[in-house]
Amino acid sequence: MATGGGTGEGRTRADRARRVANVLRAQVLRGAFPKGLLPDERALVAEFATSRNTVREALGLLRDEGLVARRRGVGTVVVGRTYRHPLGELSGLAEVLGRHGTVVNEVREARSVRPPMTVARRLGLAEGSPAVYLERLRRVDGAPLSLDCTYLIPEVGGPLLARGREALERQDVFDLIETAAGEPLGRAEISAQAVVADPATCAVLALPEGAAVLAVERLTRLADGRPADLEFIHLRGDRLTLHATLDRVRGGN
């Protein structure tokens, strides 16, 4: 005897629900419902040319992700606030998100350290040379958004430490680096992947144990090409969307 989840019809409806959820999720993340209210089930059934059960299953997927909630007498409302961070420009979190809410940096650690060899090599430091380690929890309107672990070259990190904890809490690292170095930043090399966060990171970011986060590694260089800092950032994927507009590069064949 076949179980409900294993039948062909069950798989087909699950696939349809996933496709509906994909479209609705994208709309929620880009702010397509400014009043925070999704269309009612009847409208969604008509829009997606599907059944009411499929729509309800799709909304259930978004509810389980923490993006929407069902309110009696109101309908389905957006409850998960997300922010868009552009990948096409080198900007700090406060520069990008300051217009959406209050960005606060909670300094968890700031000190001179002997960095791991792999970090020293990425920063162009000789073996045994010190670096400055800075760890900050970034919040937007009080809600945890990212845990940033940063290694800085000593000629940049030293002046940062000298400015004191208050400066580290109020300003983006990029602003502090440019002030300390006396020259602008030039470019950054970024990689990102989804990973299962360790229990300690989940606790700091107020996530359930075993939750996935977006792990970003960013090596930032000064305008003259020297490495300035190497960051390991864990972002709550349910609160931040990385966005870029890309051009197709065609070969000259």
Protein backbone atom coordinates (compact mmCIF):
# COMPACT_ATOMS: atom_id res chain seq x y z
CA MET A 1 0.00 0.00 0.00
CA ALA A 2 1.46 3.37 -1.03
CA THR A 3 1.87 6.14 1.53
CA GLY A 4 0.63 9.68 0.87
CA GLY A 5 4.09 11.19 0.39
CA GLY A 6 5.19 8.44 -1.98
CA THR A 7 2.35 8.49 -4.49
CA GLY A 8 2.80 9.98 -7.92
CA GLU A 9 0.05 12.51 -7.20
CA GLY A 10 1.75 13.52 -3.94
CA ARG A 11 5.05 14.08 -5.69
CA THR A 12 3.34 16.01 -8.49
CA ARG A 13 1.52 18.32 -6.07
CA ALA A 14 4.72 18.77 -4.05
CA ASP A 15 6.53 19.79 -7.23
CA ARG A 16 3.75 22.24 -8.15
CA ALA A 17 3.81 23.68 -4.63
CA ARG A 18 7.58 24.12 -4.81
CA ARG A 19 7.26 26.01 -8.10
CA VAL A 20 4.60 28.30 -6.66
CA ALA A 21 6.69 28.85 -3.53
CA ASN A 22 9.75 29.73 -5.65
CA VAL A 23 7.88 32.57 -7.36
CA LEU A 24 6.24 33.85 -4.17
CA ARG A 25 9.52 33.67 -2.25
CA ALA A 26 11.25 35.81 -4.87
CA GLN A 27 8.41 38.34 -4.68
CA VAL A 28 8.62 38.49 -0.88
CA LEU A 29 12.40 38.92 -0.91
CA ARG A 30 12.31 41.79 -3.39
CA GLY A 31 9.51 43.58 -1.55
CA ALA A 32 6.73 43.02 -4.06
CA PHE A 33 4.11 43.22 -1.30
CA PRO A 34 4.80 46.67 0.24
CA LYS A 35 1.78 46.45 2.54
CA GLY A 36 2.97 43.07 3.78
CA LEU A 37 -0.13 41.18 2.62
CA LEU A 38 -0.06 38.42 0.00
CA PRO A 39 -2.98 37.96 -2.41
CA ASP A 40 -5.72 35.72 -1.05
CA GLU A 41 -5.82 32.02 -1.90
CA ARG A 42 -8.46 32.49 -4.63
CA ALA A 43 -6.26 35.04 -6.43
CA LEU A 44 -3.19 32.79 -6.12
CA VAL A 45 -5.13 29.80 -7.47
CA ALA A 46 -6.09 31.87 -10.51
CA GLU A 47 -2.62 33.37 -10.99
CA PHE A 48 -0.80 30.04 -10.89
CA ALA A 49 -3.60 28.02 -12.53
CA THR A 50 -3.39 25.41 -9.83
CA SER A 51 -5.43 23.95 -6.98
CA ARG A 52 -6.17 25.46 -3.59
CA ASN A 53 -4.34 22.57 -1.92
CA THR A 54 -1.21 23.32 -3.94
CA VAL A 55 -1.35 27.00 -2.98
CA ARG A 56 -1.80 26.12 0.69
CA GLU A 57 1.15 23.74 0.53
CA ALA A 58 3.30 26.45 -1.10
CA LEU A 59 2.33 28.96 1.59
CA GLY A 60 3.17 26.32 4.18
CA LEU A 61 6.69 26.07 2.77
CA LEU A 62 7.15 29.83 3.11
CA ARG A 63 5.69 29.74 6.60
CA ASP A 64 8.17 27.04 7.62
CA GLU A 65 10.98 29.27 6.31
CA GLY A 66 9.78 32.09 8.56
CA LEU A 67 8.87 34.41 5.67
CA VAL A 68 5.08 34.52 6.09
CA ALA A 69 2.41 33.82 8.68
CA ARG A 70 -1.32 33.21 8.55
CA ARG A 71 -3.38 35.81 10.45
CA ARG A 72 -7.02 35.09 11.19
CA GLY A 73 -9.27 37.65 9.55
CA VAL A 74 -6.34 39.19 7.68
CA GLY A 75 -4.75 36.55 5.44
CA THR A 76 -1.15 35.63 4.72
CA VAL A 77 1.27 38.35 5.79
CA VAL A 78 4.99 38.85 5.37
CA VAL A 79 6.81 38.51 8.70
CA GLY A 80 10.41 37.88 7.63
CA ARG A 81 12.22 41.17 6.92
CA THR A 82 14.96 40.79 4.31
CA TYR A 83 17.53 43.25 2.97
CA ARG A 84 19.24 43.43 -0.41
CA HIS A 85 23.02 43.79 -0.52
CA PRO A 86 24.55 44.55 -3.94
CA LEU A 87 27.51 42.46 -5.07
CA GLY A 88 28.48 44.88 -7.80
CA GLU A 89 29.94 47.49 -5.45
CA LEU A 90 32.37 47.44 -2.53
CA SER A 91 30.21 48.80 0.28
CA GLY A 92 29.96 48.23 4.01
CA LEU A 93 26.84 46.89 5.65
CA ALA A 94 25.90 50.18 7.30
CA GLU A 95 26.38 52.04 3.99
CA VAL A 96 23.89 49.74 2.28
CA LEU A 97 21.39 49.03 5.03
CA GLY A 98 21.50 52.27 7.01
CA ARG A 99 18.54 53.60 5.05
CA HIS A 100 16.45 50.54 5.99
CA GLY A 101 17.07 50.57 9.74
CA THR A 102 19.55 51.14 12.53
CA VAL A 103 22.78 49.14 12.09
CA VAL A 104 24.59 48.33 15.33
CA ASN A 105 27.97 46.61 15.65
CA GLU A 106 28.48 44.59 18.82
CA VAL A 107 32.24 44.17 19.28
CA ARG A 108 32.88 40.67 20.61
CA GLU A 109 36.67 40.74 20.28
CA ALA A 110 39.36 43.18 19.16
CA ARG A 111 43.04 42.38 19.73
CA SER A 112 46.43 41.69 18.19
CA VAL A 113 46.97 38.01 17.32
CA ARG A 114 49.32 35.70 15.49
CA PRO A 115 47.18 34.69 12.52
CA PRO A 116 47.03 31.18 11.05
CA MET A 117 49.60 30.70 8.29
CA THR A 118 46.96 30.49 5.58
CA VAL A 119 45.56 33.86 6.70
CA ALA A 120 49.05 35.39 6.89
CA ARG A 121 49.78 34.28 3.34
CA ARG A 122 46.52 35.76 2.04
CA LEU A 123 47.39 39.06 3.73
CA GLY A 124 50.99 39.03 2.47
CA LEU A 125 52.42 38.83 5.99
CA ALA A 126 55.69 37.13 6.92
CA GLU A 127 55.53 34.05 9.15
CA GLY A 128 55.18 35.08 12.79
CA SER A 129 54.02 38.60 11.96
CA PRO A 130 51.08 39.89 14.00
CA ALA A 131 47.66 40.83 12.67
CA VAL A 132 44.63 42.42 14.28
CA TYR A 133 41.57 40.24 14.84
CA LEU A 134 38.17 41.89 15.00
CA GLU A 135 34.92 40.01 15.64
CA ARG A 136 31.61 41.83 15.49
CA LEU A 137 27.95 40.86 15.60
CA ARG A 138 25.99 43.06 13.21
CA ARG A 139 22.36 43.87 14.02
CA VAL A 140 19.72 45.73 12.02
CA ASP A 141 16.92 47.18 14.14
CA GLY A 142 18.04 44.91 16.96
CA ALA A 143 17.84 41.65 14.99
CA PRO A 144 21.08 39.67 14.40
CA LEU A 145 22.12 39.73 10.74
CA SER A 146 25.76 38.64 10.52
CA LEU A 147 28.80 37.54 12.48
CA ASP A 148 31.95 39.11 10.99
CA CYS A 149 35.40 37.72 11.82
CA THR A 150 38.11 39.95 10.35
CA TYR A 151 41.92 39.76 10.17
CA LEU A 152 43.63 43.06 9.34
CA ILE A 153 47.23 43.86 8.45
CA PRO A 154 48.97 45.54 11.43
CA GLU A 155 49.49 48.94 9.80
CA VAL A 156 45.70 49.15 9.31
CA GLY A 157 44.48 47.16 12.32
CA GLY A 158 46.74 48.92 14.83
CA PRO A 159 45.22 52.38 14.26
CA LEU A 160 41.76 50.79 14.38
CA LEU A 161 42.43 49.43 17.85
CA ALA A 162 43.82 52.81 18.91
CA ARG A 163 40.56 54.51 17.95
CA GLY A 164 38.78 52.55 20.65
CA ARG A 165 35.75 50.34 21.01
CA GLU A 166 33.25 53.12 20.36
CA ALA A 167 34.59 53.76 16.85
CA LEU A 168 34.47 50.02 16.08
CA GLU A 169 30.84 49.93 17.17
CA ARG A 170 29.74 53.03 15.25
CA GLN A 171 31.54 52.72 11.90
CA ASP A 172 31.90 50.21 9.09
CA VAL A 173 35.28 48.51 8.85
CA PHE A 174 35.72 49.91 5.35
CA ASP A 175 35.51 53.50 6.60
CA LEU A 176 37.94 52.72 9.41
CA ILE A 177 40.40 51.02 7.04
CA GLU A 178 40.45 53.94 4.62
CA THR A 179 40.98 56.39 7.48
CA ALA A 180 43.79 54.31 8.99
CA ALA A 181 45.50 53.61 5.66
CA GLY A 182 45.13 57.15 4.35
CA GLU A 183 44.03 55.81 0.97
CA PRO A 184 40.85 54.32 -0.49
CA LEU A 185 40.04 50.67 -0.89
CA GLY A 186 40.41 49.32 -4.39
CA ARG A 187 38.83 45.93 -4.93
CA ALA A 188 37.75 42.74 -3.18
CA GLU A 189 37.70 39.04 -3.99
CA ILE A 190 34.55 37.35 -2.69
CA SER A 191 33.35 33.76 -2.46
CA ALA A 192 30.10 32.60 -0.87
CA GLN A 193 28.53 29.27 -0.08
CA ALA A 194 25.71 27.91 2.05
CA VAL A 195 26.93 25.93 5.07
CA VAL A 196 25.40 24.42 8.19
CA ALA A 197 26.37 26.73 11.03
CA ASP A 198 28.11 25.38 14.10
CA PRO A 199 26.14 25.52 17.38
CA ALA A 200 28.05 28.55 18.69
CA THR A 201 27.33 30.58 15.54
CA CYS A 202 23.67 29.55 15.64
CA ALA A 203 23.46 30.78 19.23
CA VAL A 204 25.04 34.16 18.38
CA LEU A 205 22.78 34.69 15.34
CA ALA A 206 19.65 33.50 17.19
CA LEU A 207 19.17 30.58 14.80
CA PRO A 208 17.94 27.06 15.58
CA GLU A 209 20.74 24.50 15.85
CA GLY A 210 21.59 22.99 12.47
CA ALA A 211 20.43 26.05 10.51
CA ALA A 212 22.13 27.01 7.27
CA VAL A 213 23.90 30.33 6.83
CA LEU A 214 25.63 32.07 3.96
CA ALA A 215 29.39 31.88 4.55
CA VAL A 216 31.23 34.69 2.77
CA GLU A 217 35.00 35.01 2.48
CA ARG A 218 36.20 38.43 1.37
CA LEU A 219 39.77 39.59 0.77
CA THR A 220 39.82 43.37 0.41
CA ARG A 221 42.71 45.28 -1.12
CA LEU A 222 43.77 48.92 -0.93
CA ALA A 223 43.91 51.03 -4.06
CA ASP A 224 47.61 50.19 -4.49
CA GLY A 225 46.81 46.44 -4.52
CA ARG A 226 48.01 45.57 -0.99
CA PRO A 227 45.72 43.26 0.99
CA ALA A 228 44.04 45.15 3.85
CA ASP A 229 41.80 42.60 5.50
CA LEU A 230 40.47 39.06 5.19
CA GLU A 231 36.94 38.54 6.45
CA PHE A 232 34.97 35.41 7.25
CA ILE A 233 31.31 36.43 7.45
CA HIS A 234 28.33 34.30 8.43
CA LEU A 235 25.10 35.86 7.19
CA ARG A 236 21.54 34.92 8.04
CA GLY A 237 20.24 33.89 4.63
CA ASP A 238 16.66 34.52 5.74
CA ARG A 239 17.43 38.21 6.26
CA LEU A 240 19.85 39.11 3.48
CA THR A 241 19.73 38.69 -0.29
CA LEU A 242 22.92 39.13 -2.31
CA HIS A 243 22.11 40.89 -5.57
CA ALA A 244 24.05 41.60 -8.76
CA THR A 245 23.38 42.62 -12.34
CA LEU A 246 25.73 40.74 -14.66
CA ASP A 247 26.65 41.25 -18.32
CA ARG A 248 27.20 38.35 -20.68
CA VAL A 249 30.86 38.19 -21.74
CA ARG A 250 31.19 36.70 -25.21
CA GLY A 251 34.36 35.24 -26.67
CA GLY A 252 35.96 36.59 -29.79
CA ASN A 253 35.80 33.35 -31.80
